[in-house]
Amino acid sequence: MVITVLLVVLIIFVALSMRKALRLHADPVECANNLQYVGLALRIWANDHGDKFPTMVSTNLGGSQEYAETGQVFRHYLSLSNQLGSPLKLVCPADSRRASRDWASLANANISYFISLDAEDRGGGMLWIGDRHLESRPSQSGSLLVLTPKTSVNWGPALHGEMAGNVMIDGVVQPVYAPELTKFVQKSLTGTVPNRLEFP
């Protein structure tokens, strides 16, 4: 009896450990697929709103512009609820965060991806969305990162580790590795306009 109980406990412990390890090393391709899905929702939304994303359209017109720089990133994604259908795609499989089962309970803790406050669906090469473990110190302030030509960025330890992550530029998801990250991000800036990224 005691041996059976110990065996069951051991099996549960091993299963939980394996689940955690699999989550930490989840295929970045699954995360990229989620980002592609969210990017498509952004495009569909922008198609009905003059090529602008929710972050640049007033809440009176269904957008989330008034919530820019408030730290309430989930508000931007709530604007996409009709296009996304479900909030499940807002969490990367490698993230320890749990997806919300419904839109009514969506919070920042149910989101794995930053969103640009300045990008539009008009080309130009700006970052739209990406993995939340993009970071810059000391220029990052709370949930907001303002990208300028002098910004230096790196991947933090969350999600896919410090060596890689995914970003979307002009509707295309691209994996970016640490050595090229800063150059890649600086190249995404258009003209003299900074790109404000808001993080959940």
C-alpha atoms as a PDB file:
ATOM      1  CA  MET A   1       0.000   0.000   0.000  1.00  0.00           C
ATOM      2  CA  VAL A   2       2.737   2.483   0.993  1.00  0.00           C
ATOM      3  CA  ILE A   3       4.798   1.527  -2.063  1.00  0.00           C
ATOM      4  CA  THR A   4       1.763   2.085  -4.322  1.00  0.00           C
ATOM      5  CA  VAL A   5       1.128   5.551  -2.844  1.00  0.00           C
ATOM      6  CA  LEU A   6       4.809   6.477  -3.212  1.00  0.00           C
ATOM      7  CA  LEU A   7       4.788   5.245  -6.787  1.00  0.00           C
ATOM      8  CA  VAL A   8       1.703   7.340  -7.616  1.00  0.00           C
ATOM      9  CA  VAL A   9       3.292  10.426  -6.016  1.00  0.00           C
ATOM     10  CA  LEU A  10       6.496   9.826  -7.985  1.00  0.00           C
ATOM     11  CA  ILE A  11       4.575   9.476 -11.267  1.00  0.00           C
ATOM     12  CA  ILE A  12       2.667  12.709 -10.606  1.00  0.00           C
ATOM     13  CA  PHE A  13       5.897  14.538  -9.709  1.00  0.00           C
ATOM     14  CA  VAL A  14       7.649  13.346 -12.888  1.00  0.00           C
ATOM     15  CA  ALA A  15       4.625  14.240 -15.032  1.00  0.00           C
ATOM     16  CA  LEU A  16       4.447  17.758 -13.591  1.00  0.00           C
ATOM     17  CA  SER A  17       8.203  18.241 -14.024  1.00  0.00           C
ATOM     18  CA  MET A  18       8.036  17.091 -17.643  1.00  0.00           C
ATOM     19  CA  ARG A  19       5.066  19.383 -18.315  1.00  0.00           C
ATOM     20  CA  LYS A  20       6.977  22.357 -16.913  1.00  0.00           C
ATOM     21  CA  ALA A  21      10.079  21.468 -18.934  1.00  0.00           C
ATOM     22  CA  LEU A  22       8.041  21.085 -22.125  1.00  0.00           C
ATOM     23  CA  ARG A  23       6.389  24.460 -21.542  1.00  0.00           C
ATOM     24  CA  LEU A  24       9.753  26.157 -21.003  1.00  0.00           C
ATOM     25  CA  HIS A  25      11.125  24.622 -24.179  1.00  0.00           C
ATOM     26  CA  ALA A  26       7.980  24.778 -26.295  1.00  0.00           C
ATOM     27  CA  ASP A  27       8.574  25.107 -30.002  1.00  0.00           C
ATOM     28  CA  PRO A  28       8.877  28.802 -30.938  1.00  0.00           C
ATOM     29  CA  VAL A  29       6.986  27.895 -34.120  1.00  0.00           C
ATOM     30  CA  GLU A  30       3.783  27.442 -32.091  1.00  0.00           C
ATOM     31  CA  CYS A  31       4.274  30.910 -30.649  1.00  0.00           C
ATOM     32  CA  ALA A  32       4.936  32.307 -34.136  1.00  0.00           C
ATOM     33  CA  ASN A  33       1.683  30.721 -35.324  1.00  0.00           C
ATOM     34  CA  ASN A  34      -0.198  32.500 -32.532  1.00  0.00           C
ATOM     35  CA  LEU A  35       1.411  35.802 -33.494  1.00  0.00           C
ATOM     36  CA  GLN A  36       0.491  35.242 -37.139  1.00  0.00           C
ATOM     37  CA  TYR A  37      -3.110  34.627 -36.097  1.00  0.00           C
ATOM     38  CA  VAL A  38      -3.197  37.837 -34.019  1.00  0.00           C
ATOM     39  CA  GLY A  39      -1.572  39.755 -36.883  1.00  0.00           C
ATOM     40  CA  LEU A  40      -4.281  38.566 -39.255  1.00  0.00           C
ATOM     41  CA  ALA A  41      -6.910  39.799 -36.783  1.00  0.00           C
ATOM     42  CA  LEU A  42      -5.150  43.190 -36.714  1.00  0.00           C
ATOM     43  CA  ARG A  43      -5.208  43.336 -40.509  1.00  0.00           C
ATOM     44  CA  ILE A  44      -8.900  42.480 -40.708  1.00  0.00           C
ATOM     45  CA  TRP A  45      -9.693  45.104 -38.065  1.00  0.00           C
ATOM     46  CA  ALA A  46      -7.580  47.740 -39.842  1.00  0.00           C
ATOM     47  CA  ASN A  47      -9.302  46.986 -43.146  1.00  0.00           C
ATOM     48  CA  ASP A  48     -12.508  48.393 -41.645  1.00  0.00           C
ATOM     49  CA  HIS A  49     -10.804  51.340 -39.930  1.00  0.00           C
ATOM     50  CA  GLY A  50      -8.744  53.174 -42.547  1.00  0.00           C
ATOM     51  CA  ASP A  51      -5.653  50.931 -42.209  1.00  0.00           C
ATOM     52  CA  LYS A  52      -5.316  51.899 -38.547  1.00  0.00           C
ATOM     53  CA  PHE A  53      -5.016  49.464 -35.674  1.00  0.00           C
ATOM     54  CA  PRO A  54      -7.135  49.738 -32.484  1.00  0.00           C
ATOM     55  CA  THR A  55      -4.343  51.608 -30.680  1.00  0.00           C
ATOM     56  CA  MET A  56      -4.812  54.547 -33.072  1.00  0.00           C
ATOM     57  CA  VAL A  57      -8.616  54.600 -33.157  1.00  0.00           C
ATOM     58  CA  SER A  58     -10.884  56.099 -30.485  1.00  0.00           C
ATOM     59  CA  THR A  59     -12.914  53.845 -28.208  1.00  0.00           C
ATOM     60  CA  ASN A  60     -15.965  55.676 -29.623  1.00  0.00           C
ATOM     61  CA  LEU A  61     -15.222  53.894 -32.913  1.00  0.00           C
ATOM     62  CA  GLY A  62     -14.353  50.520 -31.397  1.00  0.00           C
ATOM     63  CA  GLY A  63     -10.636  51.138 -30.894  1.00  0.00           C
ATOM     64  CA  SER A  64      -8.486  51.507 -27.790  1.00  0.00           C
ATOM     65  CA  GLN A  65      -6.555  54.748 -28.347  1.00  0.00           C
ATOM     66  CA  GLU A  66      -7.603  56.247 -25.017  1.00  0.00           C
ATOM     67  CA  TYR A  67      -5.901  53.336 -23.226  1.00  0.00           C
ATOM     68  CA  ALA A  68      -2.503  53.978 -24.853  1.00  0.00           C
ATOM     69  CA  GLU A  69       0.300  54.239 -22.284  1.00  0.00           C
ATOM     70  CA  THR A  70      -2.014  53.240 -19.413  1.00  0.00           C
ATOM     71  CA  GLY A  71      -0.486  49.791 -18.982  1.00  0.00           C
ATOM     72  CA  GLN A  72      -3.848  48.175 -19.799  1.00  0.00           C
ATOM     73  CA  VAL A  73      -2.599  46.225 -22.811  1.00  0.00           C
ATOM     74  CA  PHE A  74      -5.528  43.830 -22.650  1.00  0.00           C
ATOM     75  CA  ARG A  75      -7.796  46.719 -23.743  1.00  0.00           C
ATOM     76  CA  HIS A  76      -6.037  46.824 -27.133  1.00  0.00           C
ATOM     77  CA  TYR A  77      -6.582  43.097 -27.622  1.00  0.00           C
ATOM     78  CA  LEU A  78     -10.207  43.330 -26.451  1.00  0.00           C
ATOM     79  CA  SER A  79     -10.835  45.520 -29.493  1.00  0.00           C
ATOM     80  CA  LEU A  80      -9.932  42.491 -31.630  1.00  0.00           C
ATOM     81  CA  SER A  81     -12.351  40.098 -29.932  1.00  0.00           C
ATOM     82  CA  ASN A  82     -14.612  39.771 -32.995  1.00  0.00           C
ATOM     83  CA  GLN A  83     -11.657  39.063 -35.270  1.00  0.00           C
ATOM     84  CA  LEU A  84      -9.875  36.672 -32.888  1.00  0.00           C
ATOM     85  CA  GLY A  85     -12.968  34.793 -31.770  1.00  0.00           C
ATOM     86  CA  SER A  86     -11.199  33.458 -28.668  1.00  0.00           C
ATOM     87  CA  PRO A  87      -8.472  34.907 -26.409  1.00  0.00           C
ATOM     88  CA  LEU A  88      -6.604  31.566 -26.328  1.00  0.00           C
ATOM     89  CA  LYS A  89      -4.138  32.650 -29.050  1.00  0.00           C
ATOM     90  CA  LEU A  90      -2.913  35.545 -26.895  1.00  0.00           C
ATOM     91  CA  VAL A  91      -0.674  33.258 -24.816  1.00  0.00           C
ATOM     92  CA  CYS A  92       2.504  31.667 -26.141  1.00  0.00           C
ATOM     93  CA  PRO A  93       2.735  27.916 -25.349  1.00  0.00           C
ATOM     94  CA  ALA A  94       6.161  28.576 -23.787  1.00  0.00           C
ATOM     95  CA  ASP A  95       4.750  31.148 -21.362  1.00  0.00           C
ATOM     96  CA  SER A  96       3.918  30.346 -17.749  1.00  0.00           C
ATOM     97  CA  ARG A  97       0.907  32.644 -18.103  1.00  0.00           C
ATOM     98  CA  ARG A  98      -2.498  31.057 -18.575  1.00  0.00           C
ATOM     99  CA  ALA A  99      -4.866  31.972 -21.364  1.00  0.00           C
ATOM    100  CA  SER A 100      -8.203  33.503 -20.497  1.00  0.00           C
ATOM    101  CA  ARG A 101     -11.155  31.320 -21.463  1.00  0.00           C
ATOM    102  CA  ASP A 102     -13.361  34.316 -22.232  1.00  0.00           C
ATOM    103  CA  TRP A 103     -13.067  37.995 -23.087  1.00  0.00           C
ATOM    104  CA  ALA A 104     -14.852  39.184 -19.944  1.00  0.00           C
ATOM    105  CA  SER A 105     -12.007  37.985 -17.712  1.00  0.00           C
ATOM    106  CA  LEU A 106      -9.105  38.962 -20.003  1.00  0.00           C
ATOM    107  CA  ALA A 107      -6.252  40.756 -18.187  1.00  0.00           C
ATOM    108  CA  ASN A 108      -2.600  41.546 -18.890  1.00  0.00           C
ATOM    109  CA  ALA A 109      -1.691  38.303 -17.108  1.00  0.00           C
ATOM    110  CA  ASN A 110      -3.382  36.410 -19.985  1.00  0.00           C
ATOM    111  CA  ILE A 111      -1.237  37.942 -22.732  1.00  0.00           C
ATOM    112  CA  SER A 112       2.239  37.013 -24.009  1.00  0.00           C
ATOM    113  CA  TYR A 113       2.675  39.703 -26.642  1.00  0.00           C
ATOM    114  CA  PHE A 114       3.539  43.398 -26.714  1.00  0.00           C
ATOM    115  CA  ILE A 115       1.681  45.662 -29.137  1.00  0.00           C
ATOM    116  CA  SER A 116       2.784  48.798 -30.982  1.00  0.00           C
ATOM    117  CA  LEU A 117       0.913  51.999 -30.247  1.00  0.00           C
ATOM    118  CA  ASP A 118       2.174  53.622 -33.458  1.00  0.00           C
ATOM    119  CA  ALA A 119       2.134  50.998 -36.232  1.00  0.00           C
ATOM    120  CA  GLU A 120      -0.424  51.057 -39.025  1.00  0.00           C
ATOM    121  CA  ASP A 121      -1.258  48.579 -41.784  1.00  0.00           C
ATOM    122  CA  ARG A 122       0.388  50.704 -44.461  1.00  0.00           C
ATOM    123  CA  GLY A 123       3.745  48.995 -44.807  1.00  0.00           C
ATOM    124  CA  GLY A 124       6.876  50.826 -43.794  1.00  0.00           C
ATOM    125  CA  GLY A 125       8.488  48.036 -41.808  1.00  0.00           C
ATOM    126  CA  MET A 126       7.408  48.932 -38.250  1.00  0.00           C
ATOM    127  CA  LEU A 127       7.081  46.358 -35.494  1.00  0.00           C
ATOM    128  CA  TRP A 128       3.426  45.503 -34.856  1.00  0.00           C
ATOM    129  CA  ILE A 129       3.485  42.869 -32.126  1.00  0.00           C
ATOM    130  CA  GLY A 130       5.971  40.425 -30.615  1.00  0.00           C
ATOM    131  CA  ASP A 131       7.053  38.271 -27.707  1.00  0.00           C
ATOM    132  CA  ARG A 132       6.857  40.050 -24.373  1.00  0.00           C
ATOM    133  CA  HIS A 133      10.416  39.164 -23.349  1.00  0.00           C
ATOM    134  CA  LEU A 134      11.839  41.934 -25.559  1.00  0.00           C
ATOM    135  CA  GLU A 135      13.451  44.397 -23.178  1.00  0.00           C
ATOM    136  CA  SER A 136      15.696  47.406 -22.934  1.00  0.00           C
ATOM    137  CA  ARG A 137      17.374  48.734 -19.828  1.00  0.00           C
ATOM    138  CA  PRO A 138      17.378  51.417 -18.555  1.00  0.00           C
ATOM    139  CA  SER A 139      15.231  53.110 -21.231  1.00  0.00           C
ATOM    140  CA  GLN A 140      12.171  50.913 -20.622  1.00  0.00           C
ATOM    141  CA  SER A 141       9.700  52.542 -18.282  1.00  0.00           C
ATOM    142  CA  GLY A 142       7.111  50.239 -16.734  1.00  0.00           C
ATOM    143  CA  SER A 143       5.021  48.667 -19.474  1.00  0.00           C
ATOM    144  CA  LEU A 144       6.203  51.109 -22.161  1.00  0.00           C
ATOM    145  CA  LEU A 145       9.290  50.871 -24.361  1.00  0.00           C
ATOM    146  CA  VAL A 146       9.905  53.746 -26.765  1.00  0.00           C
ATOM    147  CA  LEU A 147      12.062  52.577 -29.661  1.00  0.00           C
ATOM    148  CA  THR A 148      14.366  55.207 -31.132  1.00  0.00           C
ATOM    149  CA  PRO A 149      17.463  54.856 -33.337  1.00  0.00           C
ATOM    150  CA  LYS A 150      19.560  54.824 -30.142  1.00  0.00           C
ATOM    151  CA  THR A 151      17.579  52.104 -28.354  1.00  0.00           C
ATOM    152  CA  SER A 152      19.485  48.931 -27.540  1.00  0.00           C
ATOM    153  CA  VAL A 153      17.337  45.853 -26.905  1.00  0.00           C
ATOM    154  CA  ASN A 154      17.775  42.240 -25.898  1.00  0.00           C
ATOM    155  CA  TRP A 155      15.672  39.179 -25.157  1.00  0.00           C
ATOM    156  CA  GLY A 156      14.951  38.514 -21.495  1.00  0.00           C
ATOM    157  CA  PRO A 157      14.782  35.043 -19.938  1.00  0.00           C
ATOM    158  CA  ALA A 158      11.023  34.492 -20.321  1.00  0.00           C
ATOM    159  CA  LEU A 159       9.364  32.571 -23.169  1.00  0.00           C
ATOM    160  CA  HIS A 160      12.106  31.358 -25.550  1.00  0.00           C
ATOM    161  CA  GLY A 161      15.118  32.389 -23.489  1.00  0.00           C
ATOM    162  CA  GLU A 162      17.691  35.091 -24.038  1.00  0.00           C
ATOM    163  CA  MET A 163      18.782  33.924 -27.477  1.00  0.00           C
ATOM    164  CA  ALA A 164      15.625  34.230 -29.578  1.00  0.00           C
ATOM    165  CA  GLY A 165      12.105  35.557 -29.916  1.00  0.00           C
ATOM    166  CA  ASN A 166       9.437  36.414 -32.475  1.00  0.00           C
ATOM    167  CA  VAL A 167       8.286  39.770 -33.786  1.00  0.00           C
ATOM    168  CA  MET A 168       5.832  40.796 -36.489  1.00  0.00           C
ATOM    169  CA  ILE A 169       6.663  43.426 -39.080  1.00  0.00           C
ATOM    170  CA  ASP A 170       4.091  44.390 -41.714  1.00  0.00           C
ATOM    171  CA  GLY A 171       2.046  41.263 -41.038  1.00  0.00           C
ATOM    172  CA  VAL A 172       4.948  38.820 -41.247  1.00  0.00           C
ATOM    173  CA  VAL A 173       6.254  36.974 -38.176  1.00  0.00           C
ATOM    174  CA  GLN A 174      10.019  36.727 -38.028  1.00  0.00           C
ATOM    175  CA  PRO A 175      12.200  34.883 -35.536  1.00  0.00           C
ATOM    176  CA  VAL A 176      15.036  37.169 -34.456  1.00  0.00           C
ATOM    177  CA  TYR A 177      18.158  35.949 -32.692  1.00  0.00           C
ATOM    178  CA  ALA A 178      19.952  37.925 -29.997  1.00  0.00           C
ATOM    179  CA  PRO A 179      23.059  38.971 -31.990  1.00  0.00           C
ATOM    180  CA  GLU A 180      20.939  40.695 -34.675  1.00  0.00           C
ATOM    181  CA  LEU A 181      18.147  41.986 -32.435  1.00  0.00           C
ATOM    182  CA  THR A 182      19.191  45.605 -31.875  1.00  0.00           C
ATOM    183  CA  LYS A 183      20.082  46.141 -35.539  1.00  0.00           C
ATOM    184  CA  PHE A 184      16.827  44.490 -36.609  1.00  0.00           C
ATOM    185  CA  VAL A 185      14.715  46.670 -34.318  1.00  0.00           C
ATOM    186  CA  GLN A 186      16.482  49.885 -35.318  1.00  0.00           C
ATOM    187  CA  LYS A 187      15.950  49.041 -38.993  1.00  0.00           C
ATOM    188  CA  SER A 188      12.215  48.730 -38.264  1.00  0.00           C
ATOM    189  CA  LEU A 189      11.958  52.398 -37.289  1.00  0.00           C
ATOM    190  CA  THR A 190      10.520  54.584 -40.024  1.00  0.00           C
ATOM    191  CA  GLY A 191      11.682  58.157 -40.503  1.00  0.00           C
ATOM    192  CA  THR A 192      11.908  60.149 -37.290  1.00  0.00           C
ATOM    193  CA  VAL A 193       8.802  58.623 -35.709  1.00  0.00           C
ATOM    194  CA  PRO A 194       9.544  56.513 -32.616  1.00  0.00           C
ATOM    195  CA  ASN A 195       7.631  53.297 -32.087  1.00  0.00           C
ATOM    196  CA  ARG A 196       6.031  52.948 -28.662  1.00  0.00           C
ATOM    197  CA  LEU A 197       5.621  49.351 -27.586  1.00  0.00           C
ATOM    198  CA  GLU A 198       3.294  48.519 -24.715  1.00  0.00           C
ATOM    199  CA  PHE A 199       3.882  45.328 -22.723  1.00  0.00           C
ATOM    200  CA  PRO A 200       1.407  43.241 -20.723  1.00  0.00           C
END
